[in-house]
Protein backbone atom coordinates (compact mmCIF):
# COMPACT_ATOMS: atom_id res chain seq x y z
CA MET A 1 31.19 -36.64 90.99
CA PRO A 2 32.86 -35.35 94.08
CA TYR A 3 36.11 -36.37 92.49
CA LEU A 4 35.61 -33.81 89.74
CA VAL A 5 35.15 -30.82 91.92
CA THR A 6 38.16 -31.39 94.08
CA THR A 7 40.73 -32.15 91.49
CA GLY A 8 39.47 -29.73 88.83
CA THR A 9 39.74 -32.20 85.97
CA ALA A 10 36.94 -33.11 83.75
CA GLY A 11 38.43 -35.88 81.85
CA VAL A 12 40.09 -34.50 78.74
CA ILE A 13 39.96 -30.82 79.64
CA GLU A 14 41.87 -29.73 82.64
CA ILE A 15 40.49 -26.58 84.22
CA ASN A 16 43.29 -24.38 85.43
CA GLY A 17 44.16 -20.66 85.30
CA THR A 18 44.89 -20.55 81.57
CA VAL A 19 41.50 -21.94 80.64
CA ILE A 20 39.84 -19.36 82.82
CA VAL A 21 41.97 -16.59 81.25
CA GLU A 22 41.16 -17.92 77.80
CA ILE A 23 37.44 -18.01 78.61
CA LEU A 24 37.63 -14.55 80.09
CA THR A 25 39.57 -13.24 77.10
CA PHE A 26 37.03 -14.89 74.80
CA LEU A 27 34.12 -13.26 76.62
CA ILE A 28 35.86 -9.83 76.56
CA MET A 29 36.58 -10.27 72.87
CA LEU A 30 33.00 -11.32 72.31
CA ALA A 31 31.77 -8.25 74.21
CA VAL A 32 34.09 -5.93 72.22
CA LEU A 33 32.99 -7.54 68.97
CA ALA A 34 29.34 -7.35 70.01
CA ARG A 35 29.67 -3.72 71.11
CA TYR A 36 31.80 -2.26 68.29
CA VAL A 37 32.33 -4.65 65.40
CA TYR A 38 29.05 -6.54 65.17
CA PRO A 39 26.86 -3.37 64.89
CA GLU A 40 29.17 -2.10 62.14
CA VAL A 41 28.99 -5.44 60.31
CA VAL A 42 25.19 -5.50 60.71
CA ARG A 43 24.98 -1.88 59.51
CA LEU A 44 27.12 -2.68 56.47
CA ALA A 45 25.13 -5.85 55.77
CA GLU A 46 21.85 -3.96 56.07
CA ALA A 47 23.19 -1.16 53.86
CA ARG A 48 24.30 -3.76 51.32
CA GLN A 49 20.89 -5.44 51.60
CA ARG A 50 19.14 -2.07 51.10
CA ALA A 51 21.42 -1.29 48.13
CA VAL A 52 20.65 -4.67 46.57
CA ALA A 53 16.91 -4.18 47.24
CA ASP A 54 17.11 -0.68 45.71
CA GLN A 55 18.96 -2.05 42.69
CA LEU A 56 16.37 -4.81 42.33
CA ARG A 57 13.56 -2.26 42.59
CA LEU A 58 15.31 -0.04 40.08
CA ALA A 59 15.93 -3.00 37.77
CA GLU A 60 12.26 -4.01 38.05
CA LYS A 61 11.19 -0.42 37.36
CA ASP A 62 13.55 -0.24 34.36
CA ARG A 63 12.27 -3.61 33.11
CA ALA A 64 8.67 -2.41 33.45
CA GLU A 65 9.52 0.84 31.63
CA ALA A 66 11.35 -1.08 28.92
CA GLU A 67 8.40 -3.42 28.55
CA ALA A 68 6.01 -0.45 28.38
CA ARG A 69 8.24 1.21 25.76
CA MET A 70 8.40 -2.03 23.82
CA GLN A 71 4.60 -2.31 23.92
CA ASP A 72 4.32 1.32 22.80
CA ALA A 73 6.80 0.67 20.02
CA GLN A 74 4.88 -2.46 19.01
CA ALA A 75 1.61 -0.52 19.04
CA LYS A 76 3.18 2.24 16.93
CA LEU A 77 4.62 -0.37 14.57
CA ASP A 78 1.21 -2.03 14.26
CA GLU A 79 -0.39 1.37 13.67
CA ALA A 80 2.27 2.21 11.07
CA ARG A 81 1.66 -1.12 9.34
CA LYS A 82 -2.07 -0.50 9.38
CA THR A 83 -1.57 3.01 7.99
CA ALA A 84 0.82 1.72 5.35
CA GLN A 85 -1.70 -0.95 4.35
CA GLN A 86 -4.42 1.70 4.14
CA VAL A 87 -2.16 3.85 1.96
CA ILE A 88 -1.39 0.85 -0.25
CA ASP A 89 -5.09 -0.03 -0.48
CA ALA A 90 -5.97 3.58 -1.29
CA ALA A 91 -3.22 3.71 -3.92
CA ASN A 92 -4.44 0.45 -5.45
CA LYS A 93 -8.01 1.73 -5.45
CA SER A 94 -6.90 5.06 -6.91
CA GLY A 95 -4.81 3.27 -9.52
CA GLU A 96 -7.75 1.06 -10.46
CA GLN A 97 -10.00 4.10 -10.65
CA VAL A 98 -7.50 5.95 -12.85
CA ARG A 99 -7.14 2.86 -15.03
CA GLN A 100 -10.94 2.66 -15.39
CA GLU A 101 -11.16 6.36 -16.20
CA LEU A 102 -8.38 6.07 -18.78
CA ARG A 103 -10.06 3.03 -20.30
CA GLN A 104 -13.38 4.88 -20.48
CA LYS A 105 -11.71 7.94 -22.00
CA ALA A 106 -9.91 5.75 -24.54
CA GLU A 107 -13.14 3.95 -25.42
CA GLU A 108 -14.98 7.27 -25.72
CA GLU A 109 -12.18 8.71 -27.85
CA SER A 110 -12.26 5.58 -29.99
CA ARG A 111 -16.03 5.89 -30.44
CA ARG A 112 -15.68 9.56 -31.36
CA THR A 113 -12.89 8.79 -33.80
CA ILE A 114 -14.91 5.97 -35.38
CA GLU A 115 -18.01 8.16 -35.57
CA SER A 116 -15.98 11.01 -37.05
CA ALA A 117 -14.43 8.63 -39.57
CA ARG A 118 -17.89 7.29 -40.48
CA THR A 119 -19.22 10.81 -40.88
CA GLN A 120 -16.22 11.77 -42.98
CA ILE A 121 -16.52 8.62 -45.09
CA GLU A 122 -20.23 9.26 -45.59
CA SER A 123 -19.49 12.85 -46.55
CA GLU A 124 -16.76 11.78 -48.96
CA ARG A 125 -19.06 9.10 -50.43
CA ASP A 126 -21.84 11.65 -50.92
CA LYS A 127 -19.37 14.07 -52.49
CA ALA A 128 -18.06 11.29 -54.77
CA ILE A 129 -21.63 10.34 -55.78
CA ARG A 130 -22.43 13.98 -56.58
CA SER A 131 -19.23 14.30 -58.54
CA VAL A 132 -19.93 11.09 -60.45
CA ARG A 133 -23.49 12.22 -61.14
CA THR A 134 -22.27 15.56 -62.43
CA GLU A 135 -19.62 13.87 -64.57
CA VAL A 136 -22.14 11.33 -65.89
CA ALA A 137 -24.61 14.10 -66.63
CA ASN A 138 -21.98 16.03 -68.55
CA LEU A 139 -20.98 12.91 -70.47
CA VAL A 140 -24.61 12.14 -71.26
CA VAL A 141 -25.20 15.67 -72.48
CA GLN A 142 -22.11 15.53 -74.67
CA ALA A 143 -23.01 12.10 -76.03
CA THR A 144 -26.57 13.16 -76.67
CA GLU A 145 -25.50 16.31 -78.42
CA LYS A 146 -23.25 14.28 -80.64
CA VAL A 147 -25.92 11.70 -81.37
CA ILE A 148 -28.78 14.12 -81.80
CA GLY A 149 -26.68 16.86 -83.23
CA GLU A 150 -28.45 19.64 -81.47
CA THR A 151 -28.23 21.41 -78.18
CA LEU A 152 -30.89 20.63 -75.64
CA ASP A 153 -32.88 23.26 -73.90
CA GLU A 154 -32.84 23.45 -70.10
CA ARG A 155 -35.99 21.36 -69.58
CA LYS A 156 -34.95 18.58 -71.95
CA HIS A 157 -31.48 18.72 -70.56
CA LYS A 158 -32.69 18.11 -66.96
CA ALA A 159 -35.05 15.30 -68.01
CA LEU A 160 -32.28 13.55 -69.90
CA ILE A 161 -29.88 13.87 -66.95
CA GLU A 162 -32.42 12.47 -64.49
CA ARG A 163 -33.21 9.52 -66.71
CA SER A 164 -29.51 8.76 -67.23
CA ILE A 165 -28.79 8.98 -63.51
CA GLU A 166 -31.66 6.61 -62.75
CA GLU A 167 -30.26 4.13 -65.25
CA VAL A 168 -26.79 4.37 -63.78
CA ALA A 169 -28.14 4.17 -60.22
CA GLY A 170 -30.06 1.02 -61.22
CA GLY A 171 -26.71 -0.66 -61.50
CA ASP A 172 -27.03 -2.36 -64.83
CA GLY A 173 -26.33 0.64 -67.06
CA ARG A 174 -29.11 -0.39 -69.49
CA ARG A 175 -32.12 1.68 -70.33
CA ARG A 176 -35.36 0.63 -68.78
CA GLN A 177 -37.84 -0.91 -71.08
CA GLY A 178 -41.02 0.95 -71.84
CA GLY A 179 -39.79 4.46 -71.16
CA ALA A 180 -37.84 5.20 -74.31
């Protein structure tokens, strides 16, 4: 080891004035960099880090807001679907109710029409029977007058008409036995 100190060689590196100047220059450069450049680089790096953190925070906030808006939109969509389904159900129910009412009205109108037709038919039948009875009575009176050759008084006339109507109403058109 004493050999090293006296000659100033350390094997591969030879320590002389240039190495010392280089080391000194390196240390001065390091001090200048540490004093002026390094704080600026650290400040810029920290500012960049803060900007990135702010952007991440902002992105997270925007994502949360977007998610909240999407949930609101989904809730509104679900509510709209529910409302639409209620409207459809109400329309179907209303349509069914209207259909039932129309069916009932049609059935009632049909019953009234049938009843009116029955009443009219019955009235026309009664009118036809009265007309036939009157016509038969007139024919009987005329036939009797021709056969008997005389005019009947009111009482005989009515009795003859009643008896003739009963014979015709009996359906066979023959005189009943035992009466005449």
